[in-house]
Amino acid sequence: MDLPPGYRLSIEKNPSWQDREFIDERLGDYNAPFLTDSRYDYFGIFVRDKAGAIRAGLVANLYAGWLFINLLWVDSTLRRSGIGSSMIAEAERRAIAFGCHSAHVDTFSFQGPDFYPRFGYEIFGTIDYPPDCKRIFFQKQLAAEV
């Protein structure tokens, strides 16, 4: 890659959150003129034990009218207790209050492909990844578009 004089390319393992946020913000600045609603929110919903340790969590962001569920995990001792369902419902409530009309989540075929359809999520695509598995992409309409 030919860079202008005085510039260098760096490949960095585990970039800092500050650097990630910088890129997020610059990309958001570029995208804003093209979007009806360019507001952004990043949040987590956590279940902690008495010691404060995380036992379940959902990490998501709200952007351009969509809820993007990035991560959802429940400790094996708490699975099938309704905690995952409650976290999804809370994330969706937050998204609707923010003005989102739709939601997106993806999962691997060995994780939760039967979980998300129970909440109205529909498959819109799959890819063969990782080897011998599938990555499944879901979406759901949360509220009528305005």
Protein backbone atom coordinates (compact mmCIF):
# COMPACT_ATOMS: atom_id res chain seq x y z
CA MET A 1 0.00 0.00 0.00
CA ASP A 2 1.36 3.39 -0.95
CA LEU A 3 0.68 5.93 1.78
CA PRO A 4 1.42 9.64 1.66
CA PRO A 5 4.72 10.74 3.23
CA GLY A 6 4.53 10.86 7.03
CA TYR A 7 1.88 8.12 7.32
CA ARG A 8 2.30 4.51 8.41
CA LEU A 9 0.07 1.46 8.47
CA SER A 10 -0.29 -0.32 11.82
CA ILE A 11 -2.06 -3.59 12.48
CA GLU A 12 -3.06 -3.70 16.13
CA LYS A 13 -4.32 -6.66 18.11
CA ASN A 14 -7.24 -5.81 20.43
CA PRO A 15 -7.59 -2.13 19.53
CA SER A 16 -8.62 0.09 22.43
CA TRP A 17 -12.25 1.09 22.94
CA GLN A 18 -11.14 4.68 22.45
CA ASP A 19 -9.78 3.84 18.98
CA ARG A 20 -12.88 1.82 18.11
CA GLU A 21 -15.14 4.68 19.21
CA PHE A 22 -13.10 7.12 17.13
CA ILE A 23 -13.71 5.05 13.98
CA ASP A 24 -17.39 4.52 14.92
CA GLU A 25 -17.86 8.27 15.32
CA ARG A 26 -16.11 9.19 12.07
CA LEU A 27 -18.14 6.59 10.15
CA GLY A 28 -21.29 7.90 11.85
CA ASP A 29 -20.39 11.44 10.76
CA TYR A 30 -20.02 10.23 7.17
CA ASN A 31 -23.29 8.24 7.27
CA ALA A 32 -25.46 10.91 8.94
CA PRO A 33 -26.42 12.89 5.81
CA PHE A 34 -27.73 9.71 4.19
CA LEU A 35 -29.94 8.60 7.10
CA THR A 36 -33.31 9.79 8.34
CA ASP A 37 -32.28 8.97 11.92
CA SER A 38 -28.57 8.75 12.64
CA ARG A 39 -28.82 8.56 16.44
CA TYR A 40 -26.79 5.80 18.06
CA ASP A 41 -26.92 4.02 21.42
CA TYR A 42 -24.77 1.14 22.68
CA PHE A 43 -25.93 -0.74 25.78
CA GLY A 44 -25.65 -3.88 27.85
CA ILE A 45 -28.17 -5.75 29.97
CA PHE A 46 -26.56 -7.92 32.64
CA VAL A 47 -27.61 -10.41 35.31
CA ARG A 48 -25.10 -10.42 38.16
CA ASP A 49 -24.80 -12.65 41.19
CA LYS A 50 -24.41 -11.38 44.76
CA ALA A 51 -20.65 -11.00 44.24
CA GLY A 52 -21.22 -8.84 41.15
CA ALA A 53 -20.06 -11.47 38.65
CA ILE A 54 -21.89 -11.49 35.34
CA ARG A 55 -24.01 -14.62 34.95
CA ALA A 56 -25.90 -13.53 31.81
CA GLY A 57 -25.72 -10.63 29.43
CA LEU A 58 -26.89 -9.04 26.24
CA VAL A 59 -24.87 -6.38 24.39
CA ALA A 60 -26.54 -4.41 21.62
CA ASN A 61 -26.66 -1.17 19.73
CA LEU A 62 -29.42 0.98 18.29
CA TYR A 63 -28.72 2.70 14.99
CA ALA A 64 -30.65 3.99 11.99
CA GLY A 65 -33.94 2.60 13.26
CA TRP A 66 -32.59 -0.87 14.05
CA LEU A 67 -31.76 -2.88 17.15
CA PHE A 68 -28.62 -4.94 16.57
CA ILE A 69 -28.16 -7.66 19.19
CA ASN A 70 -24.43 -8.31 19.10
CA LEU A 71 -23.97 -10.72 22.00
CA LEU A 72 -26.30 -12.82 24.15
CA TRP A 73 -25.04 -15.30 26.71
CA VAL A 74 -26.58 -17.05 29.72
CA ASP A 75 -24.54 -19.17 32.13
CA SER A 76 -25.34 -22.86 31.71
CA THR A 77 -26.80 -23.06 35.25
CA LEU A 78 -29.36 -20.36 34.39
CA ARG A 79 -30.40 -21.47 30.91
CA ARG A 80 -34.06 -22.32 30.32
CA SER A 81 -35.07 -20.07 33.22
CA GLY A 82 -36.47 -17.24 31.09
CA ILE A 83 -33.49 -14.93 31.61
CA GLY A 84 -32.53 -14.88 27.91
CA SER A 85 -36.14 -14.23 26.93
CA SER A 86 -36.38 -11.39 29.45
CA MET A 87 -33.19 -9.77 28.19
CA ILE A 88 -34.43 -9.90 24.58
CA ALA A 89 -37.77 -8.38 25.63
CA GLU A 90 -36.00 -5.58 27.52
CA ALA A 91 -33.69 -4.86 24.57
CA GLU A 92 -36.71 -4.69 22.26
CA ARG A 93 -38.57 -2.36 24.67
CA ARG A 94 -35.53 -0.09 24.78
CA ALA A 95 -35.28 -0.16 20.97
CA ILE A 96 -38.94 0.73 20.46
CA ALA A 97 -38.65 3.61 22.98
CA PHE A 98 -35.61 4.82 21.01
CA GLY A 99 -37.68 4.78 17.82
CA CYS A 100 -36.44 1.55 16.22
CA HIS A 101 -38.71 -0.29 13.82
CA SER A 102 -36.72 -3.53 13.38
CA ALA A 103 -34.22 -5.84 15.03
CA HIS A 104 -31.33 -7.99 13.80
CA VAL A 105 -29.41 -10.83 15.43
CA ASP A 106 -27.24 -13.65 14.17
CA THR A 107 -26.28 -16.96 15.71
CA PHE A 108 -24.42 -20.12 14.84
CA SER A 109 -26.24 -23.35 14.06
CA PHE A 110 -24.82 -24.85 17.29
CA GLN A 111 -26.00 -21.94 19.45
CA GLY A 112 -29.57 -20.67 19.29
CA PRO A 113 -31.19 -21.20 15.91
CA ASP A 114 -34.44 -22.37 17.54
CA PHE A 115 -34.42 -19.66 20.22
CA TYR A 116 -34.96 -16.50 18.18
CA PRO A 117 -37.95 -17.66 16.09
CA ARG A 118 -39.90 -18.04 19.35
CA PHE A 119 -39.85 -14.22 19.56
CA GLY A 120 -40.88 -13.59 15.96
CA TYR A 121 -37.41 -13.42 14.39
CA GLU A 122 -37.26 -14.72 10.83
CA ILE A 123 -34.24 -15.99 8.91
CA PHE A 124 -33.13 -13.73 6.08
CA GLY A 125 -29.82 -15.37 5.29
CA THR A 126 -27.21 -17.98 6.16
CA ILE A 127 -23.56 -18.51 5.38
CA ASP A 128 -21.38 -21.60 5.73
CA TYR A 129 -19.33 -20.46 8.70
CA PRO A 130 -17.56 -21.77 10.70
CA PRO A 131 -16.55 -24.96 8.87
CA ASP A 132 -19.26 -27.64 9.02
CA CYS A 133 -21.71 -25.15 10.59
CA LYS A 134 -23.91 -22.22 9.60
CA ARG A 135 -24.16 -18.63 10.69
CA ILE A 136 -27.84 -17.72 10.65
CA PHE A 137 -29.10 -14.13 10.30
CA PHE A 138 -32.49 -13.13 11.73
CA GLN A 139 -34.62 -10.00 11.59
CA LYS A 140 -37.86 -8.89 13.17
CA GLN A 141 -40.17 -5.92 12.73
CA LEU A 142 -40.59 -4.22 16.11
CA ALA A 143 -43.08 -1.49 15.26
CA ALA A 144 -44.68 0.05 12.20
CA GLU A 145 -42.33 2.42 10.37
CA VAL A 146 -43.24 6.06 10.69
